[in-house]
N, C-alpha and C. Protein backbone atom coordinates (compact mmCIF):
# COMPACT_ATOMS: atom_id res chain seq x y z
N UNK A 1 122.45 93.85 94.16
CA UNK A 1 121.36 93.08 94.54
C UNK A 1 120.09 93.88 94.47
N UNK A 2 119.08 93.45 93.84
CA UNK A 2 117.81 94.17 93.78
C UNK A 2 117.16 94.21 95.18
N UNK A 3 116.42 95.27 95.45
CA UNK A 3 115.87 95.51 96.78
C UNK A 3 115.00 94.35 97.23
N UNK A 4 114.15 93.80 96.35
CA UNK A 4 113.25 92.66 96.74
C UNK A 4 114.08 91.41 97.12
N UNK A 5 115.16 91.23 96.38
CA UNK A 5 116.00 90.06 96.76
C UNK A 5 116.74 90.30 98.02
N UNK A 6 117.15 91.62 98.24
CA UNK A 6 117.83 91.91 99.48
C UNK A 6 116.96 91.72 100.68
N UNK A 7 115.72 92.10 100.56
CA UNK A 7 114.77 91.95 101.66
C UNK A 7 114.49 90.50 101.90
N UNK A 8 114.26 89.65 100.91
CA UNK A 8 114.12 88.21 101.09
C UNK A 8 115.29 87.56 101.71
N UNK A 9 116.49 88.06 101.30
CA UNK A 9 117.70 87.53 101.88
C UNK A 9 117.83 87.87 103.35
N UNK A 10 117.46 89.10 103.76
CA UNK A 10 117.44 89.50 105.16
C UNK A 10 116.42 88.65 106.00
N UNK A 11 115.29 88.40 105.40
CA UNK A 11 114.32 87.48 105.98
C UNK A 11 114.86 86.12 106.17
N UNK A 12 115.37 85.53 105.13
CA UNK A 12 115.89 84.12 105.08
C UNK A 12 117.07 83.95 106.11
N UNK A 13 117.86 85.02 106.29
CA UNK A 13 118.95 84.86 107.29
C UNK A 13 118.54 85.43 108.62
N UNK A 14 117.25 85.56 108.78
CA UNK A 14 116.65 86.02 110.09
C UNK A 14 117.27 87.34 110.66
N UNK A 15 117.70 88.19 109.77
CA UNK A 15 118.15 89.46 110.16
C UNK A 15 116.98 90.53 110.14
N UNK A 16 115.85 90.10 109.55
CA UNK A 16 114.68 90.90 109.48
C UNK A 16 113.48 90.06 109.68
N UNK A 17 112.58 90.46 110.53
CA UNK A 17 111.32 89.70 110.75
C UNK A 17 110.31 90.26 109.81
N UNK A 18 109.76 89.41 108.97
CA UNK A 18 108.70 89.73 108.10
C UNK A 18 107.28 89.48 108.89
N UNK A 19 106.41 90.46 108.75
CA UNK A 19 105.13 90.31 109.45
C UNK A 19 104.04 90.35 108.33
N UNK A 20 102.99 89.57 108.54
CA UNK A 20 101.90 89.53 107.60
C UNK A 20 100.63 89.00 108.31
N UNK A 21 99.54 89.57 107.91
CA UNK A 21 98.28 89.04 108.34
C UNK A 21 97.99 87.75 107.53
N UNK A 22 97.25 86.83 108.04
CA UNK A 22 96.94 85.62 107.22
C UNK A 22 96.25 86.03 105.90
N UNK A 23 95.28 86.93 105.81
CA UNK A 23 94.69 87.26 104.56
C UNK A 23 95.73 87.87 103.55
N UNK A 24 96.71 88.65 104.13
CA UNK A 24 97.65 89.26 103.20
C UNK A 24 98.51 88.20 102.62
N UNK A 25 98.94 87.18 103.44
CA UNK A 25 99.76 86.14 102.93
C UNK A 25 99.03 85.27 101.82
N UNK A 26 97.72 85.03 102.07
CA UNK A 26 96.89 84.31 101.09
C UNK A 26 96.82 85.05 99.79
N UNK A 27 96.73 86.39 99.93
CA UNK A 27 96.63 87.25 98.67
C UNK A 27 97.99 87.13 97.96
N UNK A 28 99.11 87.16 98.67
CA UNK A 28 100.35 87.11 98.11
C UNK A 28 100.53 85.72 97.35
N UNK A 29 100.05 84.69 98.02
CA UNK A 29 100.10 83.37 97.47
C UNK A 29 99.39 83.33 96.13
N UNK A 30 98.21 83.90 96.13
CA UNK A 30 97.42 83.94 94.95
C UNK A 30 98.12 84.68 93.79
N UNK A 31 98.70 85.79 94.09
CA UNK A 31 99.41 86.65 93.10
C UNK A 31 100.66 85.82 92.56
N UNK A 32 101.45 85.25 93.49
CA UNK A 32 102.68 84.56 93.08
C UNK A 32 102.34 83.32 92.23
N UNK A 33 101.17 82.79 92.31
CA UNK A 33 100.82 81.61 91.54
C UNK A 33 100.33 81.96 90.11
N UNK A 34 100.15 83.27 89.85
CA UNK A 34 99.83 83.64 88.53
C UNK A 34 101.05 83.43 87.55
N UNK A 35 100.75 82.93 86.36
CA UNK A 35 101.86 82.59 85.45
C UNK A 35 102.86 83.76 85.21
N UNK A 36 102.38 84.90 85.00
CA UNK A 36 103.28 86.00 84.70
C UNK A 36 104.25 86.28 85.94
N UNK A 37 103.77 86.18 87.18
CA UNK A 37 104.58 86.45 88.37
C UNK A 37 105.54 85.27 88.57
N UNK A 38 105.09 84.04 88.35
CA UNK A 38 106.05 82.93 88.44
C UNK A 38 107.19 83.04 87.50
N UNK A 39 106.91 83.42 86.21
CA UNK A 39 107.95 83.67 85.31
C UNK A 39 108.92 84.81 85.73
N UNK A 40 108.28 85.86 86.18
CA UNK A 40 109.14 87.03 86.61
C UNK A 40 110.11 86.72 87.70
N UNK A 41 109.67 85.83 88.64
CA UNK A 41 110.48 85.53 89.75
C UNK A 41 111.24 84.20 89.58
N UNK A 42 111.18 83.58 88.37
CA UNK A 42 111.91 82.42 88.14
C UNK A 42 111.31 81.19 88.87
N UNK A 43 110.00 81.18 89.03
CA UNK A 43 109.28 80.14 89.78
C UNK A 43 108.27 79.47 88.88
N UNK A 44 108.68 79.30 87.63
CA UNK A 44 107.76 78.77 86.57
C UNK A 44 106.93 77.53 87.03
N UNK A 45 107.53 76.41 87.41
CA UNK A 45 106.69 75.28 87.76
C UNK A 45 105.94 75.57 89.02
N UNK A 46 104.68 75.11 89.09
CA UNK A 46 103.82 75.27 90.25
C UNK A 46 104.45 74.70 91.53
N UNK A 47 105.20 73.63 91.43
CA UNK A 47 105.76 72.94 92.59
C UNK A 47 106.84 73.82 93.23
N UNK A 48 107.60 74.56 92.43
CA UNK A 48 108.63 75.45 92.98
C UNK A 48 107.95 76.63 93.71
N UNK A 49 106.83 77.10 93.09
CA UNK A 49 106.12 78.30 93.74
C UNK A 49 105.63 77.76 95.11
N UNK A 50 105.09 76.53 95.17
CA UNK A 50 104.58 75.98 96.42
C UNK A 50 105.65 75.85 97.44
N UNK A 51 106.83 75.37 97.00
CA UNK A 51 107.97 75.23 97.93
C UNK A 51 108.47 76.52 98.48
N UNK A 52 108.47 77.55 97.54
CA UNK A 52 108.93 78.90 98.00
C UNK A 52 107.93 79.41 99.07
N UNK A 53 106.62 79.23 98.74
CA UNK A 53 105.59 79.78 99.71
C UNK A 53 105.70 79.11 101.04
N UNK A 54 105.93 77.80 101.02
CA UNK A 54 106.07 77.05 102.25
C UNK A 54 107.20 77.55 103.07
N UNK A 55 108.34 77.76 102.43
CA UNK A 55 109.55 78.28 103.18
C UNK A 55 109.29 79.71 103.63
N UNK A 56 108.60 80.54 102.81
CA UNK A 56 108.35 81.95 103.27
C UNK A 56 107.37 81.97 104.35
N UNK A 57 106.35 81.05 104.38
CA UNK A 57 105.34 81.02 105.44
C UNK A 57 105.98 80.65 106.78
N UNK A 58 107.01 79.82 106.71
CA UNK A 58 107.72 79.43 107.91
C UNK A 58 108.49 80.52 108.47
N UNK A 59 108.93 81.55 107.71
CA UNK A 59 109.74 82.65 108.24
C UNK A 59 108.85 83.83 108.61
N UNK A 60 107.65 83.88 108.16
CA UNK A 60 106.80 85.10 108.39
C UNK A 60 106.16 84.97 109.81
N UNK A 61 106.16 86.05 110.51
CA UNK A 61 105.53 86.15 111.78
C UNK A 61 104.09 86.65 111.63
N UNK A 62 103.07 85.74 111.85
CA UNK A 62 101.69 86.17 111.65
C UNK A 62 101.23 87.22 112.62
N UNK A 63 100.45 88.20 112.19
CA UNK A 63 99.99 89.27 113.01
C UNK A 63 98.48 89.43 112.75
N UNK A 64 97.78 89.99 113.68
CA UNK A 64 96.40 90.38 113.46
C UNK A 64 96.24 91.87 113.61
N UNK A 65 95.42 92.45 112.73
CA UNK A 65 95.24 93.85 112.82
C UNK A 65 93.85 94.17 113.45
N UNK A 66 93.93 95.16 114.39
CA UNK A 66 92.75 95.55 115.13
C UNK A 66 92.44 96.97 114.85
N UNK A 67 91.17 97.31 114.87
CA UNK A 67 90.70 98.70 114.79
C UNK A 67 90.89 99.33 113.44
N UNK A 68 91.09 98.55 112.42
CA UNK A 68 91.21 99.11 111.09
C UNK A 68 89.98 99.80 110.67
N UNK A 69 88.86 99.23 110.86
CA UNK A 69 87.55 99.88 110.40
C UNK A 69 87.27 101.07 111.15
N UNK A 70 87.59 101.14 112.39
CA UNK A 70 87.36 102.40 113.12
C UNK A 70 88.21 103.52 112.57
N UNK A 71 89.43 103.23 112.19
CA UNK A 71 90.32 104.26 111.64
C UNK A 71 89.74 104.69 110.31
N UNK A 72 89.33 103.85 109.55
CA UNK A 72 88.68 104.16 108.23
C UNK A 72 87.45 105.00 108.45
N UNK A 73 86.58 104.59 109.31
CA UNK A 73 85.43 105.38 109.63
C UNK A 73 85.76 106.81 110.01
N UNK A 74 86.70 106.95 110.84
CA UNK A 74 87.13 108.27 111.27
C UNK A 74 87.66 109.14 110.14
N UNK A 75 88.45 108.47 109.26
CA UNK A 75 89.04 109.14 108.10
C UNK A 75 87.92 109.60 107.16
N UNK A 76 86.97 108.75 106.90
CA UNK A 76 85.90 109.07 105.99
C UNK A 76 85.05 110.20 106.63
N UNK A 77 84.74 110.10 107.93
CA UNK A 77 83.95 111.11 108.61
C UNK A 77 84.74 112.46 108.51
N UNK A 78 85.95 112.48 108.74
CA UNK A 78 86.77 113.66 108.73
C UNK A 78 86.85 114.28 107.34
N UNK A 79 86.94 113.35 106.31
CA UNK A 79 86.91 113.83 104.97
C UNK A 79 85.64 114.44 104.52
N UNK A 80 84.51 113.78 104.92
CA UNK A 80 83.17 114.32 104.70
C UNK A 80 83.01 115.62 105.38
N UNK A 81 83.40 115.73 106.56
CA UNK A 81 83.15 117.01 107.33
C UNK A 81 84.01 118.14 106.65
N UNK A 82 85.16 117.86 106.32
CA UNK A 82 86.09 118.80 105.62
C UNK A 82 85.48 119.19 104.27
N UNK A 83 84.89 118.29 103.56
CA UNK A 83 84.24 118.57 102.25
C UNK A 83 83.03 119.45 102.48
N UNK A 84 82.26 119.10 103.48
CA UNK A 84 81.02 119.96 103.74
C UNK A 84 81.30 121.38 104.23
N UNK A 85 82.40 121.49 105.06
CA UNK A 85 82.72 122.77 105.57
C UNK A 85 83.40 123.68 104.60
N UNK A 86 84.35 123.06 103.83
CA UNK A 86 85.24 123.84 102.88
C UNK A 86 84.97 123.62 101.47
N UNK A 87 84.03 122.66 101.17
CA UNK A 87 83.73 122.15 99.87
C UNK A 87 83.57 123.12 98.79
């Protein structure tokens, strides 16, 4: 069994809890609806992709991410400081 299928099987059987932010899920939805991805996953008709996404959405635990920008700012500041000091 391929890894992606195994992960989806674990989520479907509720042995693994999938977490996603709402924007991440919406991005996944957009990608999955692209023709090349529907064909690759065997979800060629739009209706099947919609059905799959509805089932997946019911299994995913939504989460919110906090303090991401602060972490990015610290990393950028640290990188800039390092570049200035050791550049």
